[in-house]
Amino acid sequence: MNFIYLLQNFIQLEPIDVLIKLILIYILAGFIGLERAALSKPAGFRTHVLVGMSAVLTVVCAHKIAEISGSTDFSRIPAQLLSGIGFLGAGTVLKDGFNVKGLTTAASLLAITCIGLCVGAGLYLSGIIATAVVYVVLKHSSSISEKVGHFHTINLHVETPTPKEVMNEVQIFLDRNKIEVKEIMIEEENSINYIKITGKHRDEINKNRLLSDLLSINNITKVQEIEDLQD
């Protein structure tokens, strides 16, 4: 009993308590950060860990300042953190043509901030549960939405020296295969012209036959499917 009592008192010492919180948020934020890093997102392991630790230290410092000053409201400093995290999240958002990428990563930084606030406030179980939920959302929501909606995304890069001339045949090809076009762009890279197509289809498609048929169109020299990464 004396050992347990001493251990509880030791854990409640301020440096040890802060250390435990930092270790826990390192694990939780790192778990989410690794998922983002695996997809080569602008905010990965280190960014998520640093944001999470900052949130923990913000709560700890706010609580200590409130004790010293005798104030009963120590929520103002964490509230400023939530406002400031928007600037960091904005740095992960990129505009690519008509598409906006990075919103999910920005949202994950906000989620990690809130998880860090929970850990800093001593709500360890809530932080762990929230981390598990955030991970499931990031890792599996895309595949779940595709299964529920019964459609699949496809990204094609078509290399051709005459993109405008073959565009009509490409459109007929897409209509024939029931591919709903979300975006189509003509770009030039290193003197090579590309037609970049992003679309979706509801039925299963034989992609080998699809690429082969597209390649059979006159003046198309190369067709490549690009893996669709989550934002």
C-alpha atoms as a PDB file:
ATOM      1  CA  MET A   1       0.000   0.000   0.000  1.00  0.00           C
ATOM      2  CA  ASN A   2       2.828   2.407   0.831  1.00  0.00           C
ATOM      3  CA  PHE A   3       4.470   1.713  -2.524  1.00  0.00           C
ATOM      4  CA  ILE A   4       1.214   2.429  -4.418  1.00  0.00           C
ATOM      5  CA  TYR A   5       0.703   5.601  -2.404  1.00  0.00           C
ATOM      6  CA  LEU A   6       4.257   6.771  -3.126  1.00  0.00           C
ATOM      7  CA  LEU A   7       3.847   5.904  -6.825  1.00  0.00           C
ATOM      8  CA  GLN A   8       0.621   7.930  -7.067  1.00  0.00           C
ATOM      9  CA  ASN A   9       2.276  10.904  -5.400  1.00  0.00           C
ATOM     10  CA  PHE A  10       5.287  10.560  -7.687  1.00  0.00           C
ATOM     11  CA  ILE A  11       3.109  10.510 -10.814  1.00  0.00           C
ATOM     12  CA  GLN A  12       1.249  13.582  -9.580  1.00  0.00           C
ATOM     13  CA  LEU A  13       4.496  15.575  -9.390  1.00  0.00           C
ATOM     14  CA  GLU A  14       4.283  18.331 -12.000  1.00  0.00           C
ATOM     15  CA  PRO A  15       7.346  17.341 -14.130  1.00  0.00           C
ATOM     16  CA  ILE A  16       6.315  13.674 -14.192  1.00  0.00           C
ATOM     17  CA  ASP A  17       2.699  14.532 -15.002  1.00  0.00           C
ATOM     18  CA  VAL A  18       3.784  16.753 -17.899  1.00  0.00           C
ATOM     19  CA  LEU A  19       6.218  14.087 -19.132  1.00  0.00           C
ATOM     20  CA  ILE A  20       3.481  11.436 -19.160  1.00  0.00           C
ATOM     21  CA  LYS A  21       1.194  13.751 -21.139  1.00  0.00           C
ATOM     22  CA  LEU A  22       3.931  14.536 -23.662  1.00  0.00           C
ATOM     23  CA  ILE A  23       4.761  10.853 -24.135  1.00  0.00           C
ATOM     24  CA  LEU A  24       1.098  10.007 -24.649  1.00  0.00           C
ATOM     25  CA  ILE A  25       0.508  12.776 -27.192  1.00  0.00           C
ATOM     26  CA  TYR A  26       3.742  11.756 -28.960  1.00  0.00           C
ATOM     27  CA  ILE A  27       2.247   8.295 -29.472  1.00  0.00           C
ATOM     28  CA  LEU A  28      -1.255   9.487 -30.418  1.00  0.00           C
ATOM     29  CA  ALA A  29      -0.190  12.342 -32.714  1.00  0.00           C
ATOM     30  CA  GLY A  30       2.564  10.225 -34.224  1.00  0.00           C
ATOM     31  CA  PHE A  31       0.011   7.529 -35.044  1.00  0.00           C
ATOM     32  CA  ILE A  32      -2.040  10.006 -37.089  1.00  0.00           C
ATOM     33  CA  GLY A  33       1.067  11.674 -38.504  1.00  0.00           C
ATOM     34  CA  LEU A  34       2.407   8.380 -39.864  1.00  0.00           C
ATOM     35  CA  GLU A  35      -0.844   7.819 -41.764  1.00  0.00           C
ATOM     36  CA  ARG A  36      -0.512  11.257 -43.388  1.00  0.00           C
ATOM     37  CA  ALA A  37       3.212  10.753 -44.065  1.00  0.00           C
ATOM     38  CA  ALA A  38       2.494   7.423 -45.788  1.00  0.00           C
ATOM     39  CA  LEU A  39       0.470   9.388 -48.367  1.00  0.00           C
ATOM     40  CA  SER A  40       3.258  12.006 -48.756  1.00  0.00           C
ATOM     41  CA  LYS A  41       1.107  14.809 -47.366  1.00  0.00           C
ATOM     42  CA  PRO A  42       2.664  18.208 -46.494  1.00  0.00           C
ATOM     43  CA  ALA A  43       2.020  17.680 -42.762  1.00  0.00           C
ATOM     44  CA  GLY A  44       3.380  14.335 -41.603  1.00  0.00           C
ATOM     45  CA  PHE A  45       4.746  12.683 -38.456  1.00  0.00           C
ATOM     46  CA  ARG A  46       6.834  15.543 -37.060  1.00  0.00           C
ATOM     47  CA  THR A  47       4.245  18.241 -37.753  1.00  0.00           C
ATOM     48  CA  HIS A  48       1.443  16.324 -36.050  1.00  0.00           C
ATOM     49  CA  VAL A  49       3.619  15.474 -33.044  1.00  0.00           C
ATOM     50  CA  LEU A  50       4.758  19.079 -32.607  1.00  0.00           C
ATOM     51  CA  VAL A  51       1.206  20.405 -32.921  1.00  0.00           C
ATOM     52  CA  GLY A  52      -0.046  17.850 -30.384  1.00  0.00           C
ATOM     53  CA  MET A  53       2.733  18.650 -27.908  1.00  0.00           C
ATOM     54  CA  SER A  54       2.069  22.372 -28.332  1.00  0.00           C
ATOM     55  CA  ALA A  55      -1.585  21.802 -27.451  1.00  0.00           C
ATOM     56  CA  VAL A  56      -0.643  19.819 -24.324  1.00  0.00           C
ATOM     57  CA  LEU A  57       1.806  22.473 -23.145  1.00  0.00           C
ATOM     58  CA  THR A  58      -0.752  25.209 -23.873  1.00  0.00           C
ATOM     59  CA  VAL A  59      -3.264  23.616 -21.492  1.00  0.00           C
ATOM     60  CA  VAL A  60      -0.611  22.973 -18.831  1.00  0.00           C
ATOM     61  CA  CYS A  61       0.677  26.549 -18.997  1.00  0.00           C
ATOM     62  CA  ALA A  62      -2.830  28.023 -19.066  1.00  0.00           C
ATOM     63  CA  HIS A  63      -3.788  26.019 -15.976  1.00  0.00           C
ATOM     64  CA  LYS A  64      -0.603  27.098 -14.157  1.00  0.00           C
ATOM     65  CA  ILE A  65      -1.062  30.761 -15.084  1.00  0.00           C
ATOM     66  CA  ALA A  66      -4.661  30.604 -13.831  1.00  0.00           C
ATOM     67  CA  GLU A  67      -3.441  29.148 -10.502  1.00  0.00           C
ATOM     68  CA  ILE A  68      -0.811  31.848 -10.062  1.00  0.00           C
ATOM     69  CA  SER A  69      -3.105  34.713 -11.012  1.00  0.00           C
ATOM     70  CA  GLY A  70      -6.081  33.335  -9.100  1.00  0.00           C
ATOM     71  CA  SER A  71      -8.234  33.373 -12.210  1.00  0.00           C
ATOM     72  CA  THR A  72     -10.952  30.752 -12.615  1.00  0.00           C
ATOM     73  CA  ASP A  73     -10.938  30.999 -16.422  1.00  0.00           C
ATOM     74  CA  PHE A  74      -7.920  29.409 -18.050  1.00  0.00           C
ATOM     75  CA  SER A  75      -9.648  28.655 -21.360  1.00  0.00           C
ATOM     76  CA  ARG A  76      -8.570  31.839 -23.117  1.00  0.00           C
ATOM     77  CA  ILE A  77      -5.080  30.617 -24.035  1.00  0.00           C
ATOM     78  CA  PRO A  78      -6.270  27.266 -25.515  1.00  0.00           C
ATOM     79  CA  ALA A  79      -8.948  29.221 -27.403  1.00  0.00           C
ATOM     80  CA  GLN A  80      -6.228  31.342 -29.017  1.00  0.00           C
ATOM     81  CA  LEU A  81      -4.404  28.144 -29.993  1.00  0.00           C
ATOM     82  CA  LEU A  82      -7.470  26.876 -31.857  1.00  0.00           C
ATOM     83  CA  SER A  83      -7.650  30.182 -33.728  1.00  0.00           C
ATOM     84  CA  GLY A  84      -3.948  30.129 -34.556  1.00  0.00           C
ATOM     85  CA  ILE A  85      -3.934  26.545 -35.818  1.00  0.00           C
ATOM     86  CA  GLY A  86      -5.968  27.767 -38.793  1.00  0.00           C
ATOM     87  CA  PHE A  87      -2.876  29.538 -40.178  1.00  0.00           C
ATOM     88  CA  LEU A  88      -0.847  26.328 -39.990  1.00  0.00           C
ATOM     89  CA  GLY A  89      -3.667  24.346 -41.583  1.00  0.00           C
ATOM     90  CA  ALA A  90      -3.898  26.885 -44.405  1.00  0.00           C
ATOM     91  CA  GLY A  91      -0.281  26.121 -45.266  1.00  0.00           C
ATOM     92  CA  THR A  92      -1.176  22.508 -46.081  1.00  0.00           C
ATOM     93  CA  VAL A  93      -3.956  23.465 -48.524  1.00  0.00           C
ATOM     94  CA  LEU A  94      -2.855  23.536 -52.153  1.00  0.00           C
ATOM     95  CA  LYS A  95      -4.764  24.534 -55.285  1.00  0.00           C
ATOM     96  CA  ASP A  96      -4.138  22.233 -58.249  1.00  0.00           C
ATOM     97  CA  GLY A  97      -6.074  23.471 -61.263  1.00  0.00           C
ATOM     98  CA  PHE A  98      -9.723  23.382 -60.286  1.00  0.00           C
ATOM     99  CA  ASN A  99      -9.014  21.022 -57.371  1.00  0.00           C
ATOM    100  CA  VAL A 100      -8.203  21.965 -53.786  1.00  0.00           C
ATOM    101  CA  LYS A 101      -5.955  19.491 -51.977  1.00  0.00           C
ATOM    102  CA  GLY A 102      -4.852  19.268 -48.366  1.00  0.00           C
ATOM    103  CA  LEU A 103      -8.133  20.056 -46.614  1.00  0.00           C
ATOM    104  CA  THR A 104      -8.178  16.657 -44.913  1.00  0.00           C
ATOM    105  CA  THR A 105      -4.615  17.128 -43.657  1.00  0.00           C
ATOM    106  CA  ALA A 106      -5.525  20.587 -42.348  1.00  0.00           C
ATOM    107  CA  ALA A 107      -8.517  19.052 -40.572  1.00  0.00           C
ATOM    108  CA  SER A 108      -6.291  16.328 -39.082  1.00  0.00           C
ATOM    109  CA  LEU A 109      -4.041  19.044 -37.604  1.00  0.00           C
ATOM    110  CA  LEU A 110      -7.086  20.640 -35.983  1.00  0.00           C
ATOM    111  CA  ALA A 111      -8.159  17.217 -34.668  1.00  0.00           C
ATOM    112  CA  ILE A 112      -4.684  16.601 -33.216  1.00  0.00           C
ATOM    113  CA  THR A 113      -4.821  20.003 -31.536  1.00  0.00           C
ATOM    114  CA  CYS A 114      -8.104  19.070 -29.853  1.00  0.00           C
ATOM    115  CA  ILE A 115      -6.684  15.670 -28.858  1.00  0.00           C
ATOM    116  CA  GLY A 116      -3.673  17.456 -27.364  1.00  0.00           C
ATOM    117  CA  LEU A 117      -5.993  19.726 -25.389  1.00  0.00           C
ATOM    118  CA  CYS A 118      -7.779  16.628 -24.037  1.00  0.00           C
ATOM    119  CA  VAL A 119      -4.499  15.007 -22.983  1.00  0.00           C
ATOM    120  CA  GLY A 120      -3.272  18.272 -21.454  1.00  0.00           C
ATOM    121  CA  ALA A 121      -6.488  18.490 -19.429  1.00  0.00           C
ATOM    122  CA  GLY A 122      -6.014  14.919 -18.187  1.00  0.00           C
ATOM    123  CA  LEU A 123      -8.752  13.366 -20.358  1.00  0.00           C
ATOM    124  CA  TYR A 124      -6.503  10.516 -21.430  1.00  0.00           C
ATOM    125  CA  LEU A 125      -9.196   8.005 -22.401  1.00  0.00           C
ATOM    126  CA  SER A 126     -11.041  10.624 -24.446  1.00  0.00           C
ATOM    127  CA  GLY A 127      -7.808  11.443 -26.292  1.00  0.00           C
ATOM    128  CA  ILE A 128      -7.125   7.778 -27.053  1.00  0.00           C
ATOM    129  CA  ILE A 129     -10.684   7.164 -28.295  1.00  0.00           C
ATOM    130  CA  ALA A 130     -10.589  10.332 -30.416  1.00  0.00           C
ATOM    131  CA  THR A 131      -7.278   9.239 -31.966  1.00  0.00           C
ATOM    132  CA  ALA A 132      -8.742   5.858 -32.919  1.00  0.00           C
ATOM    133  CA  VAL A 133     -11.791   7.511 -34.499  1.00  0.00           C
ATOM    134  CA  VAL A 134      -9.670  10.052 -36.424  1.00  0.00           C
ATOM    135  CA  TYR A 135      -7.419   7.266 -37.733  1.00  0.00           C
ATOM    136  CA  VAL A 136     -10.390   5.218 -38.954  1.00  0.00           C
ATOM    137  CA  VAL A 137     -11.839   8.288 -40.696  1.00  0.00           C
ATOM    138  CA  LEU A 138      -8.550   9.092 -42.432  1.00  0.00           C
ATOM    139  CA  LYS A 139      -7.675   5.517 -43.354  1.00  0.00           C
ATOM    140  CA  HIS A 140     -10.986   3.973 -44.350  1.00  0.00           C
ATOM    141  CA  SER A 141     -13.608   6.656 -45.077  1.00  0.00           C
ATOM    142  CA  SER A 142     -12.686   6.894 -48.757  1.00  0.00           C
ATOM    143  CA  SER A 143     -13.132   3.166 -49.403  1.00  0.00           C
ATOM    144  CA  ILE A 144     -16.366   3.135 -47.369  1.00  0.00           C
ATOM    145  CA  SER A 145     -17.845   6.059 -49.315  1.00  0.00           C
ATOM    146  CA  GLU A 146     -16.949   4.372 -52.600  1.00  0.00           C
ATOM    147  CA  LYS A 147     -18.668   1.151 -51.548  1.00  0.00           C
ATOM    148  CA  VAL A 148     -21.756   2.997 -50.319  1.00  0.00           C
ATOM    149  CA  GLY A 149     -21.917   5.189 -53.419  1.00  0.00           C
ATOM    150  CA  HIS A 150     -21.014   2.279 -55.755  1.00  0.00           C
ATOM    151  CA  PHE A 151     -18.601   4.352 -57.830  1.00  0.00           C
ATOM    152  CA  HIS A 152     -14.860   4.221 -58.417  1.00  0.00           C
ATOM    153  CA  THR A 153     -12.466   7.032 -59.245  1.00  0.00           C
ATOM    154  CA  ILE A 154     -10.106   6.794 -62.186  1.00  0.00           C
ATOM    155  CA  ASN A 155      -7.239   9.102 -63.190  1.00  0.00           C
ATOM    156  CA  LEU A 156      -5.780   8.829 -66.673  1.00  0.00           C
ATOM    157  CA  HIS A 157      -2.796  10.564 -68.274  1.00  0.00           C
ATOM    158  CA  VAL A 158      -2.997  10.380 -72.069  1.00  0.00           C
ATOM    159  CA  GLU A 159       0.108  11.332 -74.037  1.00  0.00           C
ATOM    160  CA  THR A 160      -0.519  12.688 -77.533  1.00  0.00           C
ATOM    161  CA  PRO A 161       1.189  15.155 -79.903  1.00  0.00           C
ATOM    162  CA  THR A 162      -2.218  16.507 -80.995  1.00  0.00           C
ATOM    163  CA  PRO A 163      -4.400  16.808 -77.860  1.00  0.00           C
ATOM    164  CA  LYS A 164      -7.056  19.081 -79.362  1.00  0.00           C
ATOM    165  CA  GLU A 165      -7.490  16.880 -82.430  1.00  0.00           C
ATOM    166  CA  VAL A 166      -8.068  13.675 -80.433  1.00  0.00           C
ATOM    167  CA  MET A 167     -10.218  15.282 -77.736  1.00  0.00           C
ATOM    168  CA  ASN A 168     -13.478  14.486 -79.512  1.00  0.00           C
ATOM    169  CA  GLU A 169     -12.585  10.802 -79.881  1.00  0.00           C
ATOM    170  CA  VAL A 170     -11.502  10.656 -76.242  1.00  0.00           C
ATOM    171  CA  GLN A 171     -14.845  12.113 -75.162  1.00  0.00           C
ATOM    172  CA  ILE A 172     -16.730   9.541 -77.256  1.00  0.00           C
ATOM    173  CA  PHE A 173     -14.601   6.814 -75.683  1.00  0.00           C
ATOM    174  CA  LEU A 174     -15.388   8.044 -72.162  1.00  0.00           C
ATOM    175  CA  ASP A 175     -19.117   8.211 -72.907  1.00  0.00           C
ATOM    176  CA  ARG A 176     -19.081   4.710 -74.369  1.00  0.00           C
ATOM    177  CA  ASN A 177     -17.459   3.340 -71.208  1.00  0.00           C
ATOM    178  CA  LYS A 178     -19.857   5.304 -68.974  1.00  0.00           C
ATOM    179  CA  ILE A 179     -17.089   7.280 -67.290  1.00  0.00           C
ATOM    180  CA  GLU A 180     -18.400  10.496 -65.753  1.00  0.00           C
ATOM    181  CA  VAL A 181     -15.727  13.161 -66.201  1.00  0.00           C
ATOM    182  CA  LYS A 182     -14.968  15.297 -63.150  1.00  0.00           C
ATOM    183  CA  GLU A 183     -12.027  17.167 -64.695  1.00  0.00           C
ATOM    184  CA  ILE A 184     -10.178  17.167 -68.008  1.00  0.00           C
ATOM    185  CA  MET A 185      -7.054  19.245 -68.676  1.00  0.00           C
ATOM    186  CA  ILE A 186      -4.467  19.666 -71.418  1.00  0.00           C
ATOM    187  CA  GLU A 187      -0.937  20.226 -70.117  1.00  0.00           C
ATOM    188  CA  GLU A 188       2.544  20.367 -71.614  1.00  0.00           C
ATOM    189  CA  GLU A 189       5.571  18.973 -69.767  1.00  0.00           C
ATOM    190  CA  ASN A 190       9.034  18.864 -71.351  1.00  0.00           C
ATOM    191  CA  SER A 191       7.546  19.493 -74.818  1.00  0.00           C
ATOM    192  CA  ILE A 192       5.168  16.533 -74.376  1.00  0.00           C
ATOM    193  CA  ASN A 193       1.402  17.135 -74.445  1.00  0.00           C
ATOM    194  CA  TYR A 194      -0.866  15.350 -71.991  1.00  0.00           C
ATOM    195  CA  ILE A 195      -4.598  15.047 -71.564  1.00  0.00           C
ATOM    196  CA  LYS A 196      -5.277  14.550 -67.864  1.00  0.00           C
ATOM    197  CA  ILE A 197      -8.642  12.996 -67.103  1.00  0.00           C
ATOM    198  CA  THR A 198     -10.235  12.546 -63.690  1.00  0.00           C
ATOM    199  CA  GLY A 199     -13.532  10.682 -63.679  1.00  0.00           C
ATOM    200  CA  LYS A 200     -15.683   8.129 -61.928  1.00  0.00           C
ATOM    201  CA  HIS A 201     -17.664   5.067 -62.957  1.00  0.00           C
ATOM    202  CA  ARG A 202     -20.301   3.006 -61.182  1.00  0.00           C
ATOM    203  CA  ASP A 203     -19.634  -0.396 -62.738  1.00  0.00           C
ATOM    204  CA  GLU A 204     -16.507  -2.528 -62.567  1.00  0.00           C
ATOM    205  CA  ILE A 205     -14.247  -1.875 -65.557  1.00  0.00           C
ATOM    206  CA  ASN A 206     -11.590  -4.097 -67.069  1.00  0.00           C
ATOM    207  CA  LYS A 207      -8.787  -1.541 -66.817  1.00  0.00           C
ATOM    208  CA  ASN A 208      -6.415  -3.513 -69.043  1.00  0.00           C
ATOM    209  CA  ARG A 209      -8.961  -3.429 -71.873  1.00  0.00           C
ATOM    210  CA  LEU A 210      -9.823   0.198 -71.102  1.00  0.00           C
ATOM    211  CA  LEU A 211      -6.211   1.367 -71.433  1.00  0.00           C
ATOM    212  CA  SER A 212      -5.645  -0.789 -74.509  1.00  0.00           C
ATOM    213  CA  ASP A 213      -8.750   0.579 -76.277  1.00  0.00           C
ATOM    214  CA  LEU A 214      -7.786   4.150 -75.427  1.00  0.00           C
ATOM    215  CA  LEU A 215      -4.281   3.575 -76.765  1.00  0.00           C
ATOM    216  CA  SER A 216      -5.745   2.332 -80.055  1.00  0.00           C
ATOM    217  CA  ILE A 217      -7.055   5.828 -80.845  1.00  0.00           C
ATOM    218  CA  ASN A 218      -4.976   7.521 -83.553  1.00  0.00           C
ATOM    219  CA  ASN A 219      -2.205   9.883 -82.356  1.00  0.00           C
ATOM    220  CA  ILE A 220      -2.346   8.620 -78.758  1.00  0.00           C
ATOM    221  CA  THR A 221       1.111   7.321 -77.910  1.00  0.00           C
ATOM    222  CA  LYS A 222       0.838   6.461 -74.226  1.00  0.00           C
ATOM    223  CA  VAL A 223      -1.873   5.924 -71.617  1.00  0.00           C
ATOM    224  CA  GLN A 224      -1.184   5.688 -67.885  1.00  0.00           C
ATOM    225  CA  GLU A 225      -3.449   5.305 -64.885  1.00  0.00           C
ATOM    226  CA  ILE A 226      -2.352   7.436 -61.925  1.00  0.00           C
ATOM    227  CA  GLU A 227      -3.060   6.162 -58.427  1.00  0.00           C
ATOM    228  CA  ASP A 228      -5.685   8.269 -56.682  1.00  0.00           C
ATOM    229  CA  LEU A 229      -4.289   9.322 -53.281  1.00  0.00           C
ATOM    230  CA  GLN A 230      -6.474  10.676 -50.482  1.00  0.00           C
ATOM    231  CA  ASP A 231      -6.075  14.355 -49.656  1.00  0.00           C
END
